[in-house]
C-alpha atoms as a PDB file:
ATOM      1  CA  UNK A   1      22.668 -11.848 -37.855  1.00  0.00           C
ATOM      2  CA  UNK A   2      20.786 -11.697 -34.567  1.00  0.00           C
ATOM      3  CA  UNK A   3      19.218  -8.497 -33.253  1.00  0.00           C
ATOM      4  CA  UNK A   4      19.952  -7.475 -29.622  1.00  0.00           C
ATOM      5  CA  UNK A   5      16.160  -7.222 -29.133  1.00  0.00           C
ATOM      6  CA  UNK A   6      15.321 -10.648 -30.520  1.00  0.00           C
ATOM      7  CA  UNK A   7      14.629 -12.186 -27.104  1.00  0.00           C
ATOM      8  CA  UNK A   8      12.175  -9.583 -25.827  1.00  0.00           C
ATOM      9  CA  UNK A   9      10.132  -6.720 -27.123  1.00  0.00           C
ATOM     10  CA  UNK A  10      11.923  -3.415 -26.382  1.00  0.00           C
ATOM     11  CA  UNK A  11       8.834  -1.946 -24.671  1.00  0.00           C
ATOM     12  CA  UNK A  12       8.421  -4.847 -22.220  1.00  0.00           C
ATOM     13  CA  UNK A  13      10.821  -3.290 -19.744  1.00  0.00           C
ATOM     14  CA  UNK A  14       8.386  -0.355 -19.426  1.00  0.00           C
ATOM     15  CA  UNK A  15       5.374  -2.547 -18.749  1.00  0.00           C
ATOM     16  CA  UNK A  16       3.083  -1.350 -15.948  1.00  0.00           C
ATOM     17  CA  UNK A  17       3.081  -4.890 -14.525  1.00  0.00           C
ATOM     18  CA  UNK A  18       6.764  -4.523 -13.712  1.00  0.00           C
ATOM     19  CA  UNK A  19       6.429  -1.099 -12.097  1.00  0.00           C
ATOM     20  CA  UNK A  20       6.421  -2.230  -8.465  1.00  0.00           C
ATOM     21  CA  UNK A  21       7.789   0.117  -5.824  1.00  0.00           C
ATOM     22  CA  UNK A  22       8.414  -0.256  -2.095  1.00  0.00           C
ATOM     23  CA  UNK A  23       6.160   2.086  -0.110  1.00  0.00           C
ATOM     24  CA  UNK A  24       6.715   2.852   3.589  1.00  0.00           C
ATOM     25  CA  UNK A  25       3.697   3.621   5.752  1.00  0.00           C
ATOM     26  CA  UNK A  26       3.607   4.765   9.378  1.00  0.00           C
ATOM     27  CA  UNK A  27       0.676   4.718  11.779  1.00  0.00           C
ATOM     28  CA  UNK A  28       0.968   6.791  14.963  1.00  0.00           C
ATOM     29  CA  UNK A  29      -1.179   4.654  17.244  1.00  0.00           C
ATOM     30  CA  UNK A  30       1.065   4.389  20.292  1.00  0.00           C
ATOM     31  CA  UNK A  31      -1.650   2.914  22.537  1.00  0.00           C
ATOM     32  CA  UNK A  32      -2.699   0.218  20.036  1.00  0.00           C
ATOM     33  CA  UNK A  33      -2.184  -3.466  20.707  1.00  0.00           C
ATOM     34  CA  UNK A  34      -2.279  -4.443  17.009  1.00  0.00           C
ATOM     35  CA  UNK A  35      -2.221  -2.523  13.732  1.00  0.00           C
ATOM     36  CA  UNK A  36      -2.460  -3.866  10.201  1.00  0.00           C
ATOM     37  CA  UNK A  37      -2.668  -2.375   6.732  1.00  0.00           C
ATOM     38  CA  UNK A  38      -5.767  -3.102   4.676  1.00  0.00           C
ATOM     39  CA  UNK A  39      -6.453  -1.980   1.143  1.00  0.00           C
ATOM     40  CA  UNK A  40      -7.440  -2.758  -2.410  1.00  0.00           C
ATOM     41  CA  UNK A  41      -3.997  -4.364  -2.912  1.00  0.00           C
ATOM     42  CA  UNK A  42      -4.766  -7.129  -0.375  1.00  0.00           C
ATOM     43  CA  UNK A  43      -8.557  -7.385  -0.810  1.00  0.00           C
ATOM     44  CA  UNK A  44      -8.983  -5.575   2.546  1.00  0.00           C
ATOM     45  CA  UNK A  45      -7.798  -8.710   4.356  1.00  0.00           C
ATOM     46  CA  UNK A  46      -7.147  -7.817   8.025  1.00  0.00           C
ATOM     47  CA  UNK A  47      -4.273 -10.285   8.496  1.00  0.00           C
ATOM     48  CA  UNK A  48      -2.428  -9.855   5.168  1.00  0.00           C
ATOM     49  CA  UNK A  49      -0.145  -6.986   6.258  1.00  0.00           C
ATOM     50  CA  UNK A  50       0.423  -6.794  10.030  1.00  0.00           C
ATOM     51  CA  UNK A  51       2.462  -3.744  11.003  1.00  0.00           C
ATOM     52  CA  UNK A  52       5.439  -3.740  13.372  1.00  0.00           C
ATOM     53  CA  UNK A  53       5.696  -1.498  16.411  1.00  0.00           C
ATOM     54  CA  UNK A  54       8.860   0.595  16.554  1.00  0.00           C
ATOM     55  CA  UNK A  55      10.610   1.652  19.757  1.00  0.00           C
ATOM     56  CA  UNK A  56       8.913   5.078  19.544  1.00  0.00           C
ATOM     57  CA  UNK A  57       5.484   3.373  19.603  1.00  0.00           C
ATOM     58  CA  UNK A  58       4.639   4.122  15.963  1.00  0.00           C
ATOM     59  CA  UNK A  59       3.723   1.241  13.652  1.00  0.00           C
ATOM     60  CA  UNK A  60       5.640   0.695  10.408  1.00  0.00           C
ATOM     61  CA  UNK A  61       5.318  -1.414   7.280  1.00  0.00           C
ATOM     62  CA  UNK A  62       6.843  -1.531   3.819  1.00  0.00           C
ATOM     63  CA  UNK A  63       4.681  -2.899   1.007  1.00  0.00           C
ATOM     64  CA  UNK A  64       5.374  -3.324  -2.684  1.00  0.00           C
ATOM     65  CA  UNK A  65       2.696  -1.588  -4.748  1.00  0.00           C
ATOM     66  CA  UNK A  66       2.171  -1.355  -8.483  1.00  0.00           C
ATOM     67  CA  UNK A  67       1.838   1.930 -10.320  1.00  0.00           C
ATOM     68  CA  UNK A  68      -1.514   3.655  -9.903  1.00  0.00           C
ATOM     69  CA  UNK A  69      -3.811   4.869  -7.144  1.00  0.00           C
ATOM     70  CA  UNK A  70      -4.468   2.623  -4.153  1.00  0.00           C
ATOM     71  CA  UNK A  71      -7.136   2.871  -1.454  1.00  0.00           C
ATOM     72  CA  UNK A  72      -6.143   1.786   2.045  1.00  0.00           C
ATOM     73  CA  UNK A  73      -6.737   2.178   5.789  1.00  0.00           C
ATOM     74  CA  UNK A  74      -5.006   1.199   8.980  1.00  0.00           C
ATOM     75  CA  UNK A  75      -6.836  -1.359  11.108  1.00  0.00           C
ATOM     76  CA  UNK A  76      -6.080  -0.177  14.662  1.00  0.00           C
ATOM     77  CA  UNK A  77      -7.220  -2.754  17.227  1.00  0.00           C
ATOM     78  CA  UNK A  78      -9.902  -3.805  14.728  1.00  0.00           C
ATOM     79  CA  UNK A  79     -11.100  -0.261  13.923  1.00  0.00           C
ATOM     80  CA  UNK A  80     -10.608   1.100  10.366  1.00  0.00           C
ATOM     81  CA  UNK A  81      -8.628   4.350  10.611  1.00  0.00           C
ATOM     82  CA  UNK A  82      -7.684   6.926   7.970  1.00  0.00           C
ATOM     83  CA  UNK A  83      -4.029   7.840   7.458  1.00  0.00           C
ATOM     84  CA  UNK A  84      -3.577  11.537   8.322  1.00  0.00           C
ATOM     85  CA  UNK A  85      -0.455  11.516   6.110  1.00  0.00           C
ATOM     86  CA  UNK A  86      -2.286  10.114   3.060  1.00  0.00           C
ATOM     87  CA  UNK A  87      -1.935  11.850  -0.291  1.00  0.00           C
ATOM     88  CA  UNK A  88      -5.700  12.132  -0.494  1.00  0.00           C
ATOM     89  CA  UNK A  89      -9.084  10.739   0.459  1.00  0.00           C
ATOM     90  CA  UNK A  90     -11.082   8.357  -1.700  1.00  0.00           C
ATOM     91  CA  UNK A  91     -14.266   6.327  -1.303  1.00  0.00           C
ATOM     92  CA  UNK A  92     -14.684   2.564  -1.164  1.00  0.00           C
ATOM     93  CA  UNK A  93     -17.581   0.504  -2.560  1.00  0.00           C
ATOM     94  CA  UNK A  94     -19.704   1.384   0.510  1.00  0.00           C
ATOM     95  CA  UNK A  95     -18.993   5.111  -0.087  1.00  0.00           C
ATOM     96  CA  UNK A  96     -16.916   5.262   3.123  1.00  0.00           C
ATOM     97  CA  UNK A  97     -13.827   7.461   3.267  1.00  0.00           C
ATOM     98  CA  UNK A  98     -10.516   5.687   2.710  1.00  0.00           C
ATOM     99  CA  UNK A  99      -6.937   6.921   2.420  1.00  0.00           C
ATOM    100  CA  UNK A 100      -5.422   7.322  -1.017  1.00  0.00           C
ATOM    101  CA  UNK A 101      -1.839   6.846  -2.200  1.00  0.00           C
ATOM    102  CA  UNK A 102      -0.461   7.313  -5.714  1.00  0.00           C
ATOM    103  CA  UNK A 103       2.465   5.208  -6.891  1.00  0.00           C
ATOM    104  CA  UNK A 104       4.315   6.127 -10.077  1.00  0.00           C
END
C-alpha cells in the first residue's frame, strides 16, 4: 500500500527556498529621470530592477524576495538613496547605510 507522502518529504513544502513573496516598493522621486532598485538580492546591479514611473510621479516596482532580511537602496538618477519607508537601516560591506526589509 502506498503512502500519500511517498513522493515527497512532508516538510519540503515548508522549505525556506520556496518561501518567496511579492514585495511592493515605492520611491517618491518625482523629479527623477530614472530610478532602479539595487540590493543584495540582485548583487547591487543597477540595471537588474528598473522601476516604473506612475502617473503621480512616484516610482513603483514589485520584486519576489525570499524569507529573511534584505539590504537595498533606490538608485535615483545614479545616486544611491535610502528608502524613508524602510523597516530599518543596515550597513553594507563598505559600512555605508542601506535600507532594510524583512520578509517572512
